[in-house]
């Protein structure tokens, strides 16, 4: 009797993608009632948005690409983009962002499209936000608020949620505003302005009270994130102690970092054609073709004009890149302006490196999505980035070459050792395979004869089993704490 085939269980990424899709709002879904004479008419729909940007520098192509990226961000957040406008100015208007006359034109476009939200391609000051909302009579948000909203939707771990909330509160604090006297709790005078006994409050307005609560919450979140940071530093310390090299995958949002992680490690993390699909770093253990173990970490993606609140809040997560032995910088080869992506990512990496008090690790540039890029675009990239590896994480093209390049750039153990380990020391043999680089292994009547490269800590552990007359220290990296039989590059 043939046994029934059991379908493979879905990966964590597939389940998360299914969950996200099931929670998306559907355009056109209506709850309209037949008789609306006594019941309020209601309809569930996507926010209908109009985009507006200010072109202050660069080419027209770059300005259009920035607005196109804003449209993708808006769609990722669950909005329906109706129109996009760009205003050419030397600098944004300090009062209304786009200029007083252009606000009237924007208002006409908003009413014609029947939009309910305007999204500005830049960070608005509290005054600009208030002026635009008062004149347009619709909700106005900026690029920073939009990205924060996407992060809030996609955060899953406790660490990620705390970092997003801290970023949101940092953004909200200077933008708190009251709505007339309705929110005022200040009372005074003999009869407390007619409120009477019990109406004399502490003298705080509602805004002041909200600000105090936000600052208290921010302090608590910083303490929690600091504690979680200590946990990550401990984990990194364990990996360094075990001499396991680490590789961090960095790059622009939606460049295919998670797909690459899945190709290299079978991690099964969420892969979605959306901006900022990955917020929580995922670390997996894998091996080089020659058997050396290393860790691979998928990090949060970057974007042009990444809000400084996010850099501040996600600092502990971004430190994974600063402490790695190698950076795999993934670029979307199908993007119209891949050079701008590379520059935006490197700008953030330089900021992180400066804050860590040193330079960033070695960078390996990987051009992804070669299956979706044109031949001319790929030829230009090959000319501009001759040392890059060209892959398609979707089809698997170039993955073996990438593995070889990663293996070649990873730091190798520092010392050569020649050992004879009794068969009772099986744990040390296993450590040599896991943490070192075994060059030769032979089973003899006395025990296991092993020639290997190891780091300082493992070298100290195997010293008692060093063979006299083994490889002597020949390199400048010889450790004075290791005898000649165990030292030498």
Protein backbone atom coordinates (compact mmCIF):
# COMPACT_ATOMS: atom_id res chain seq x y z
CA UNK A 1 0.00 0.00 0.00
CA UNK A 2 1.45 3.32 -1.02
CA UNK A 3 1.98 5.75 1.82
CA UNK A 4 0.26 9.14 1.35
CA UNK A 5 2.63 12.00 0.59
CA UNK A 6 2.79 14.56 3.38
CA UNK A 7 3.22 18.12 2.08
CA UNK A 8 6.23 20.00 3.39
CA UNK A 9 5.46 22.44 6.17
CA UNK A 10 5.62 26.08 5.09
CA UNK A 11 8.62 28.11 6.18
CA UNK A 12 8.42 30.96 8.68
CA UNK A 13 8.80 33.47 5.84
CA UNK A 14 5.91 31.95 3.86
CA UNK A 15 3.63 32.07 6.91
CA UNK A 16 4.54 35.68 7.63
CA UNK A 17 3.98 36.67 3.99
CA UNK A 18 0.58 34.95 4.08
CA UNK A 19 -0.30 36.77 7.30
CA UNK A 20 0.65 40.16 5.86
CA UNK A 21 -1.34 39.58 2.71
CA UNK A 22 -4.41 38.57 4.68
CA UNK A 23 -4.35 41.81 6.66
CA UNK A 24 -4.14 44.18 3.68
CA UNK A 25 -7.10 46.45 3.05
CA UNK A 26 -8.92 45.83 -0.23
CA UNK A 27 -9.84 48.74 -2.46
CA UNK A 28 -13.49 48.95 -3.45
CA UNK A 29 -14.78 46.94 -0.49
CA UNK A 30 -17.95 48.73 0.56
CA UNK A 31 -20.21 48.54 3.60
CA UNK A 32 -22.87 50.75 2.04
CA UNK A 33 -26.38 50.01 3.25
CA UNK A 34 -29.48 49.99 1.07
CA UNK A 35 -31.23 52.51 3.31
CA UNK A 36 -28.88 55.27 4.44
CA UNK A 37 -31.49 57.74 5.58
CA UNK A 38 -30.96 57.10 9.31
CA UNK A 39 -27.64 55.25 9.35
CA UNK A 40 -24.33 56.94 8.59
CA UNK A 41 -22.89 55.89 5.21
CA UNK A 42 -19.61 54.05 5.69
CA UNK A 43 -17.09 52.62 3.22
CA UNK A 44 -13.80 50.82 3.86
CA UNK A 45 -11.20 51.83 1.28
CA UNK A 46 -7.54 52.59 0.77
CA UNK A 47 -6.29 56.07 1.58
CA UNK A 48 -6.23 58.03 -1.66
CA UNK A 49 -3.05 60.06 -1.78
CA UNK A 50 -1.38 62.75 -3.87
CA UNK A 51 2.41 62.98 -3.77
CA UNK A 52 4.37 66.22 -3.89
CA UNK A 53 8.13 66.75 -4.01
CA UNK A 54 10.60 69.63 -4.23
CA UNK A 55 13.42 69.27 -6.76
CA UNK A 56 16.31 71.25 -5.31
CA UNK A 57 19.37 69.45 -6.74
CA UNK A 58 20.42 66.70 -9.10
CA UNK A 59 18.89 65.80 -12.44
CA UNK A 60 15.23 65.56 -13.42
CA UNK A 61 15.66 61.78 -13.60
CA UNK A 62 16.77 61.68 -9.96
CA UNK A 63 13.83 63.85 -8.88
CA UNK A 64 11.39 61.57 -10.70
CA UNK A 65 13.07 58.46 -9.23
CA UNK A 66 12.70 59.89 -5.73
CA UNK A 67 8.97 60.50 -6.27
CA UNK A 68 8.56 57.02 -7.79
CA UNK A 69 10.19 55.57 -4.68
CA UNK A 70 7.79 57.62 -2.53
CA UNK A 71 4.91 56.08 -4.50
CA UNK A 72 6.22 52.59 -3.72
CA UNK A 73 6.53 53.53 -0.05
CA UNK A 74 2.93 54.78 -0.06
CA UNK A 75 1.69 51.58 -1.70
CA UNK A 76 3.64 49.49 0.82
CA UNK A 77 1.91 51.41 3.61
CA UNK A 78 -1.48 50.56 2.08
CA UNK A 79 -2.37 53.65 0.05
CA UNK A 80 -3.66 54.26 -3.46
CA UNK A 81 -1.52 56.81 -5.30
CA UNK A 82 -3.56 59.08 -7.55
CA UNK A 83 -1.14 61.77 -8.68
CA UNK A 84 2.40 63.08 -8.20
CA UNK A 85 3.69 66.62 -8.51
CA UNK A 86 7.24 68.02 -8.41
CA UNK A 87 8.06 71.67 -7.73
CA UNK A 88 11.43 73.07 -8.93
CA UNK A 89 12.93 75.33 -6.26
CA UNK A 90 16.43 76.20 -5.04
CA UNK A 91 15.35 75.42 -1.46
CA UNK A 92 12.07 74.25 0.11
CA UNK A 93 9.81 77.09 1.21
CA UNK A 94 10.21 77.51 5.01
CA UNK A 95 6.47 78.17 5.46
CA UNK A 96 4.69 75.76 3.10
CA UNK A 97 7.48 73.52 1.66
CA UNK A 98 6.41 74.16 -1.97
CA UNK A 99 5.55 77.87 -1.93
CA UNK A 100 2.31 79.73 -1.23
CA UNK A 101 1.11 79.91 -4.83
CA UNK A 102 1.82 76.24 -5.48
CA UNK A 103 -0.24 75.25 -2.42
CA UNK A 104 -3.34 76.60 -4.20
CA UNK A 105 -2.47 74.56 -7.32
CA UNK A 106 -1.91 71.49 -5.15
CA UNK A 107 -5.31 72.06 -3.52
CA UNK A 108 -6.97 72.04 -6.95
CA UNK A 109 -5.23 68.74 -7.81
CA UNK A 110 -6.25 67.21 -4.46
CA UNK A 111 -9.90 68.15 -4.94
CA UNK A 112 -9.91 66.98 -8.57
CA UNK A 113 -8.52 63.57 -7.56
CA UNK A 114 -10.79 63.40 -4.50
CA UNK A 115 -7.74 62.56 -2.39
CA UNK A 116 -7.81 62.47 1.39
CA UNK A 117 -4.05 62.60 2.07
CA UNK A 118 -1.02 64.49 0.75
CA UNK A 119 2.44 62.95 1.18
CA UNK A 120 5.46 65.25 0.89
CA UNK A 121 8.82 63.91 -0.32
CA UNK A 122 10.88 65.33 2.52
CA UNK A 123 10.72 65.96 6.25
CA UNK A 124 8.33 68.77 7.14
CA UNK A 125 8.79 71.10 10.08
CA UNK A 126 5.86 71.40 12.52
CA UNK A 127 5.04 74.82 11.03
CA UNK A 128 5.02 73.55 7.44
CA UNK A 129 2.80 70.63 8.46
CA UNK A 130 0.28 72.92 10.15
CA UNK A 131 0.21 75.44 7.28
CA UNK A 132 -0.38 72.76 4.64
CA UNK A 133 -3.16 71.04 6.59
CA UNK A 134 -4.94 74.31 7.28
CA UNK A 135 -4.87 75.33 3.60
CA UNK A 136 -5.44 71.95 1.93
CA UNK A 137 -8.07 70.71 4.41
CA UNK A 138 -6.75 67.13 4.14
CA UNK A 139 -4.29 65.08 6.15
CA UNK A 140 -0.64 65.87 5.33
CA UNK A 141 2.28 63.61 6.20
CA UNK A 142 5.93 63.62 5.19
CA UNK A 143 8.37 60.97 4.01
CA UNK A 144 9.64 60.32 7.53
CA UNK A 145 6.17 59.66 8.96
CA UNK A 146 5.42 57.35 6.01
CA UNK A 147 8.57 55.25 6.57
CA UNK A 148 7.86 55.10 10.31
CA UNK A 149 4.35 53.84 9.55
CA UNK A 150 5.76 51.04 7.35
CA UNK A 151 8.24 50.09 10.07
CA UNK A 152 5.40 49.96 12.62
CA UNK A 153 3.44 47.60 10.35
CA UNK A 154 6.37 45.26 9.73
CA UNK A 155 8.09 45.08 13.14
CA UNK A 156 7.67 41.62 14.66
CA UNK A 157 10.25 41.07 17.41
CA UNK A 158 10.21 42.78 20.80
CA UNK A 159 13.46 44.52 19.89
CA UNK A 160 12.12 45.75 16.56
CA UNK A 161 8.87 47.04 18.05
CA UNK A 162 10.74 48.93 20.78
CA UNK A 163 13.07 50.56 18.26
CA UNK A 164 10.19 51.60 15.98
CA UNK A 165 8.22 53.06 18.91
CA UNK A 166 11.26 55.05 20.03
CA UNK A 167 11.68 56.44 16.50
CA UNK A 168 7.99 57.35 16.30
CA UNK A 169 8.05 59.15 19.65
CA UNK A 170 11.24 61.04 18.68
CA UNK A 171 9.43 62.22 15.54
CA UNK A 172 6.17 63.02 17.35
CA UNK A 173 7.56 64.98 20.31
CA UNK A 174 8.30 68.29 18.52
CA UNK A 175 5.10 67.99 16.47
CA UNK A 176 2.57 67.80 19.30
CA UNK A 177 -0.07 70.47 19.05
CA UNK A 178 -3.34 71.26 20.77
CA UNK A 179 -6.73 71.96 19.27
CA UNK A 180 -7.88 75.14 20.98
CA UNK A 181 -8.96 75.40 24.60
CA UNK A 182 -10.57 71.94 24.62
CA UNK A 183 -7.28 70.30 25.61
CA UNK A 184 -6.19 72.92 28.15
CA UNK A 185 -6.01 71.90 31.80
CA UNK A 186 -4.67 75.20 33.07
CA UNK A 187 -7.13 76.91 35.37
CA UNK A 188 -6.69 79.87 37.62
CA UNK A 189 -8.41 82.74 39.33
CA UNK A 190 -10.53 82.72 42.46
CA UNK A 191 -13.15 80.38 41.09
CA UNK A 192 -10.80 78.64 38.68
CA UNK A 193 -12.51 80.20 35.70
CA UNK A 194 -15.90 78.91 36.79
CA UNK A 195 -14.69 75.34 37.25
CA UNK A 196 -14.88 75.60 41.02
CA UNK A 197 -13.49 73.30 43.73
CA UNK A 198 -11.66 70.32 42.30
CA UNK A 199 -10.98 72.10 39.05
CA UNK A 200 -7.58 73.46 40.00
CA UNK A 201 -5.14 71.21 38.18
CA UNK A 202 -1.36 71.07 38.50
CA UNK A 203 -1.04 73.92 36.03
CA UNK A 204 -0.08 71.70 33.07
CA UNK A 205 -1.64 71.96 29.68
CA UNK A 206 -2.63 68.74 27.95
CA UNK A 207 0.31 69.18 25.55
CA UNK A 208 2.79 69.57 28.41
CA UNK A 209 1.41 66.45 30.07
CA UNK A 210 1.68 64.50 26.81
CA UNK A 211 5.26 65.68 26.32
CA UNK A 212 6.19 64.60 29.83
CA UNK A 213 4.65 61.16 29.26
CA UNK A 214 6.39 60.78 25.90
CA UNK A 215 9.78 61.67 27.40
CA UNK A 216 9.22 59.16 30.21
CA UNK A 217 8.26 56.47 27.69
CA UNK A 218 11.30 57.27 25.53
CA UNK A 219 13.59 56.91 28.56
CA UNK A 220 12.07 53.52 29.35
CA UNK A 221 12.44 52.35 25.72
CA UNK A 222 16.09 53.44 25.64
CA UNK A 223 16.76 51.37 28.77
CA UNK A 224 15.03 48.34 27.24
CA UNK A 225 16.91 48.69 23.94
CA UNK A 226 20.16 49.10 25.88
CA UNK A 227 19.49 45.84 27.72
CA UNK A 228 18.75 44.04 24.45
CA UNK A 229 21.92 45.55 23.02
CA UNK A 230 23.89 43.92 25.84
CA UNK A 231 22.39 40.55 24.87
CA UNK A 232 23.51 41.03 21.25
CA UNK A 233 26.99 42.07 22.35
CA UNK A 234 27.20 38.93 24.48
CA UNK A 235 26.18 36.81 21.50
CA UNK A 236 28.78 38.56 19.33
CA UNK A 237 31.37 38.00 22.06
CA UNK A 238 30.55 34.28 22.12
CA UNK A 239 31.01 34.08 18.35
CA UNK A 240 34.33 35.91 18.58
CA UNK A 241 35.45 33.64 21.42
CA UNK A 242 34.52 30.61 19.35
CA UNK A 243 36.40 32.21 16.45
CA UNK A 244 33.42 32.05 14.10
CA UNK A 245 33.68 34.77 11.39
CA UNK A 246 30.58 36.88 10.76
CA UNK A 247 29.19 38.26 7.51
CA UNK A 248 26.51 41.00 7.40
CA UNK A 249 24.26 41.48 4.36
CA UNK A 250 23.57 45.19 3.86
CA UNK A 251 21.97 47.13 1.05
CA UNK A 252 19.10 49.21 -0.22
CA UNK A 253 15.58 48.20 0.71
CA UNK A 254 14.09 45.58 -1.64
CA UNK A 255 17.49 44.83 -3.20
CA UNK A 256 17.01 41.12 -2.48
CA UNK A 257 18.99 40.68 0.77
CA UNK A 258 16.57 38.16 2.28
CA UNK A 259 16.41 36.16 -0.96
CA UNK A 260 20.20 35.99 -0.96
CA UNK A 261 20.22 34.82 2.66
CA UNK A 262 17.76 32.06 1.75
CA UNK A 263 19.93 30.99 -1.20
CA UNK A 264 23.10 30.82 0.88
CA UNK A 265 21.66 29.21 4.05
CA UNK A 266 18.13 27.85 3.38
CA UNK A 267 16.99 30.22 6.14
CA UNK A 268 13.35 30.39 4.96
CA UNK A 269 12.93 34.05 6.00
CA UNK A 270 10.19 36.28 4.61
CA UNK A 271 10.69 37.36 0.99
CA UNK A 272 8.27 40.00 -0.31
CA UNK A 273 8.41 42.45 -3.22
CA UNK A 274 7.88 45.39 -0.88
CA UNK A 275 10.01 48.07 0.73
CA UNK A 276 11.25 47.33 4.26
CA UNK A 277 9.89 43.77 4.32
CA UNK A 278 12.72 42.86 6.73
CA UNK A 279 13.18 44.81 9.97
CA UNK A 280 14.36 42.18 12.43
CA UNK A 281 17.89 40.91 11.77
CA UNK A 282 18.14 37.18 11.07
CA UNK A 283 21.41 35.31 11.73
CA UNK A 284 22.10 31.86 10.28
CA UNK A 285 25.12 29.55 10.48
CA UNK A 286 26.59 28.24 7.25
CA UNK A 287 29.87 26.94 5.76
CA UNK A 288 32.30 27.93 3.06
CA UNK A 289 32.96 25.42 0.23
CA UNK A 290 36.13 24.33 2.09
CA UNK A 291 34.21 23.62 5.30
CA UNK A 292 34.86 26.75 7.42
CA UNK A 293 31.88 27.81 9.56
CA UNK A 294 30.66 31.42 9.56
CA UNK A 295 27.48 33.34 10.40
CA UNK A 296 25.39 35.33 7.92
CA UNK A 297 23.14 38.15 9.15
CA UNK A 298 20.34 39.82 7.18
CA UNK A 299 19.98 43.47 8.27
CA UNK A 300 17.36 46.19 7.80
CA UNK A 301 17.45 47.90 4.40
CA UNK A 302 18.45 51.50 3.77
CA UNK A 303 16.76 54.16 1.67
CA UNK A 304 17.53 57.63 0.36
CA UNK A 305 17.12 60.24 3.11
CA UNK A 306 16.75 57.57 5.80
CA UNK A 307 15.15 59.40 8.77
CA UNK A 308 17.70 60.19 11.46
CA UNK A 309 15.19 58.97 14.07
CA UNK A 310 15.42 55.50 12.54
CA UNK A 311 19.22 55.55 12.42
CA UNK A 312 19.21 56.53 16.10
CA UNK A 313 16.63 53.92 17.14
CA UNK A 314 18.06 51.09 15.02
CA UNK A 315 21.65 51.87 15.98
CA UNK A 316 22.00 48.66 17.99
CA UNK A 317 20.73 46.60 15.04
CA UNK A 318 22.94 48.41 12.54
CA UNK A 319 25.94 47.69 14.75
CA UNK A 320 25.78 44.13 13.43
CA UNK A 321 27.26 45.55 10.25
CA UNK A 322 29.98 47.49 12.08
CA UNK A 323 31.16 44.42 14.01
CA UNK A 324 31.09 41.98 11.07
CA UNK A 325 34.23 40.57 9.47
CA UNK A 326 32.80 41.12 5.98
CA UNK A 327 29.99 43.21 4.47
CA UNK A 328 28.05 41.77 1.53
CA UNK A 329 26.59 44.92 -0.05
CA UNK A 330 23.61 43.94 -2.23
CA UNK A 331 22.54 46.24 -5.07
CA UNK A 332 19.39 45.97 -7.21
CA UNK A 333 20.76 45.64 -10.75
CA UNK A 334 17.32 46.33 -12.24
CA UNK A 335 16.99 49.74 -10.55
CA UNK A 336 17.21 52.73 -12.93
CA UNK A 337 19.82 54.43 -10.71
CA UNK A 338 21.86 51.71 -8.97
CA UNK A 339 24.71 54.16 -8.37
CA UNK A 340 22.45 56.29 -6.16
CA UNK A 341 21.54 53.17 -4.16
CA UNK A 342 25.21 52.37 -3.58
CA UNK A 343 25.94 55.95 -2.49
CA UNK A 344 22.95 56.06 -0.09
CA UNK A 345 23.97 52.80 1.61
CA UNK A 346 27.63 53.76 1.90
CA UNK A 347 26.69 57.12 3.42
CA UNK A 348 24.83 55.39 6.27
CA UNK A 349 27.65 52.84 6.71
CA UNK A 350 30.20 55.64 7.04
CA UNK A 351 28.06 57.28 9.76
CA UNK A 352 27.84 53.98 11.66
CA UNK A 353 31.58 53.40 11.31
CA UNK A 354 32.41 56.88 12.62
CA UNK A 355 30.14 56.38 15.63
CA UNK A 356 31.84 53.06 16.38
CA UNK A 357 35.20 54.83 16.37
CA UNK A 358 36.70 53.02 13.42
CA UNK A 359 36.35 52.11 9.77
CA UNK A 360 33.85 49.64 8.37
CA UNK A 361 34.79 46.03 7.49
CA UNK A 362 35.80 44.85 4.02
CA UNK A 363 32.96 45.28 1.50
CA UNK A 364 31.98 42.80 -1.22
CA UNK A 365 29.60 44.38 -3.74
CA UNK A 366 26.93 41.99 -5.07
CA UNK A 367 24.70 43.06 -7.98
CA UNK A 368 21.42 41.13 -7.63
CA UNK A 369 18.39 40.67 -9.92
CA UNK A 370 20.47 40.16 -13.06
CA UNK A 371 17.50 38.23 -14.47
CA UNK A 372 15.40 41.42 -14.38
CA UNK A 373 18.08 43.89 -15.54
CA UNK A 374 18.78 44.78 -19.15
CA UNK A 375 22.03 43.86 -20.90
CA UNK A 376 23.03 47.50 -21.33
CA UNK A 377 22.45 48.28 -17.63
CA UNK A 378 24.49 45.23 -16.60
CA UNK A 379 27.32 46.19 -18.97
CA UNK A 380 27.46 49.66 -17.41
CA UNK A 381 27.54 48.15 -13.92
CA UNK A 382 30.31 45.71 -14.86
CA UNK A 383 32.35 48.63 -16.15
CA UNK A 384 31.64 50.82 -13.08
CA UNK A 385 32.06 48.00 -10.53
CA UNK A 386 34.63 45.54 -11.96
CA UNK A 387 35.11 43.73 -8.61
CA UNK A 388 31.39 43.09 -8.03
CA UNK A 389 29.76 39.65 -8.14
CA UNK A 390 26.67 39.45 -10.39
CA UNK A 391 23.94 37.08 -9.18
CA UNK A 392 20.25 36.32 -9.40
CA UNK A 393 18.96 35.18 -6.01
CA UNK A 394 15.65 34.32 -7.68
CA UNK A 395 17.16 31.89 -10.22
CA UNK A 396 20.32 30.97 -8.33
CA UNK A 397 22.72 32.34 -10.97
CA UNK A 398 26.19 33.18 -9.64
CA UNK A 399 25.56 31.87 -6.10
CA UNK A 400 28.46 29.38 -6.22
CA UNK A 401 30.83 32.14 -7.33
CA UNK A 402 29.56 34.33 -4.49
CA UNK A 403 30.25 31.55 -1.96
CA UNK A 404 33.82 31.27 -3.26
CA UNK A 405 34.35 35.06 -3.05
CA UNK A 406 33.02 35.15 0.53
CA UNK A 407 35.34 32.27 1.48
CA UNK A 408 38.30 34.11 -0.03
CA UNK A 409 37.59 37.32 1.92
CA UNK A 410 36.84 35.77 5.33
CA UNK A 411 39.66 35.97 7.87
CA UNK A 412 41.51 32.69 8.27
CA UNK A 413 42.70 31.26 11.60
CA UNK A 414 46.05 32.74 12.59
CA UNK A 415 48.21 29.81 13.68
CA UNK A 416 49.30 26.47 12.18
CA UNK A 417 49.29 23.54 14.61
CA UNK A 418 50.39 19.90 14.34
CA UNK A 419 48.58 17.78 16.94
CA UNK A 420 48.21 14.23 18.14
CA UNK A 421 44.92 13.97 20.03
CA UNK A 422 43.98 10.84 22.01
CA UNK A 423 40.69 9.27 20.98
CA UNK A 424 39.28 10.41 24.33
CA UNK A 425 39.56 14.04 23.09
CA UNK A 426 36.79 13.81 20.52
CA UNK A 427 35.37 17.15 21.67
CA UNK A 428 38.60 18.95 20.75
CA UNK A 429 38.64 17.30 17.32
CA UNK A 430 35.08 18.55 16.80
CA UNK A 431 36.12 22.07 17.84
CA UNK A 432 38.98 21.98 15.36
CA UNK A 433 36.49 21.20 12.59
CA UNK A 434 33.96 23.81 13.78
CA UNK A 435 36.23 26.71 14.74
CA UNK A 436 39.47 26.04 12.89
CA UNK A 437 40.54 25.01 9.44
CA UNK A 438 41.60 21.35 9.26
CA UNK A 439 44.36 20.88 6.67
CA UNK A 440 45.04 17.14 7.17
CA UNK A 441 43.68 14.41 9.42
CA UNK A 442 44.93 10.88 10.00
CA UNK A 443 43.85 8.15 12.44
CA UNK A 444 46.83 6.39 14.04
CA UNK A 445 47.10 3.76 16.82
CA UNK A 446 48.04 6.52 19.30
CA UNK A 447 45.19 8.86 18.35
CA UNK A 448 44.07 11.40 15.72
CA UNK A 449 46.90 13.26 14.00
CA UNK A 450 45.63 16.67 12.87
CA UNK A 451 47.26 19.57 11.05
CA UNK A 452 45.09 22.67 11.27
CA UNK A 453 44.93 26.45 11.43
CA UNK A 454 43.41 27.83 14.63
CA UNK A 455 42.84 31.09 16.48
CA UNK A 456 44.59 32.08 19.73
CA UNK A 457 41.97 30.67 22.12
CA UNK A 458 41.66 27.29 20.44
CA UNK A 459 45.44 27.20 19.98
CA UNK A 460 45.87 27.53 23.74
CA UNK A 461 43.34 24.72 24.35
CA UNK A 462 45.20 22.24 22.09
CA UNK A 463 48.75 23.13 23.24
CA UNK A 464 49.17 20.03 25.44
CA UNK A 465 48.72 17.84 22.34
CA UNK A 466 51.21 19.63 20.05
CA UNK A 467 53.66 17.31 18.29
CA UNK A 468 57.34 18.08 18.84
CA UNK A 469 59.00 19.04 15.59
CA UNK A 470 55.71 20.25 14.09
CA UNK A 471 55.42 23.44 12.01
CA UNK A 472 57.46 26.21 13.58
CA UNK A 473 56.43 29.83 13.80
CA UNK A 474 57.36 31.45 10.52
CA UNK A 475 55.14 34.51 10.28
CA UNK A 476 55.09 37.93 11.87
CA UNK A 477 51.84 36.92 13.52
CA UNK A 478 53.52 34.44 15.90
CA UNK A 479 52.03 34.62 19.36
CA UNK A 480 54.62 34.70 22.14
CA UNK A 481 52.14 32.85 24.34
CA UNK A 482 52.11 29.88 21.91
CA UNK A 483 55.14 27.57 21.65
CA UNK A 484 56.95 27.17 18.35
CA UNK A 485 55.08 23.94 17.63
CA UNK A 486 51.74 25.77 17.64
CA UNK A 487 52.68 29.15 16.22
CA UNK A 488 53.09 30.35 12.69
CA UNK A 489 50.94 31.70 9.95
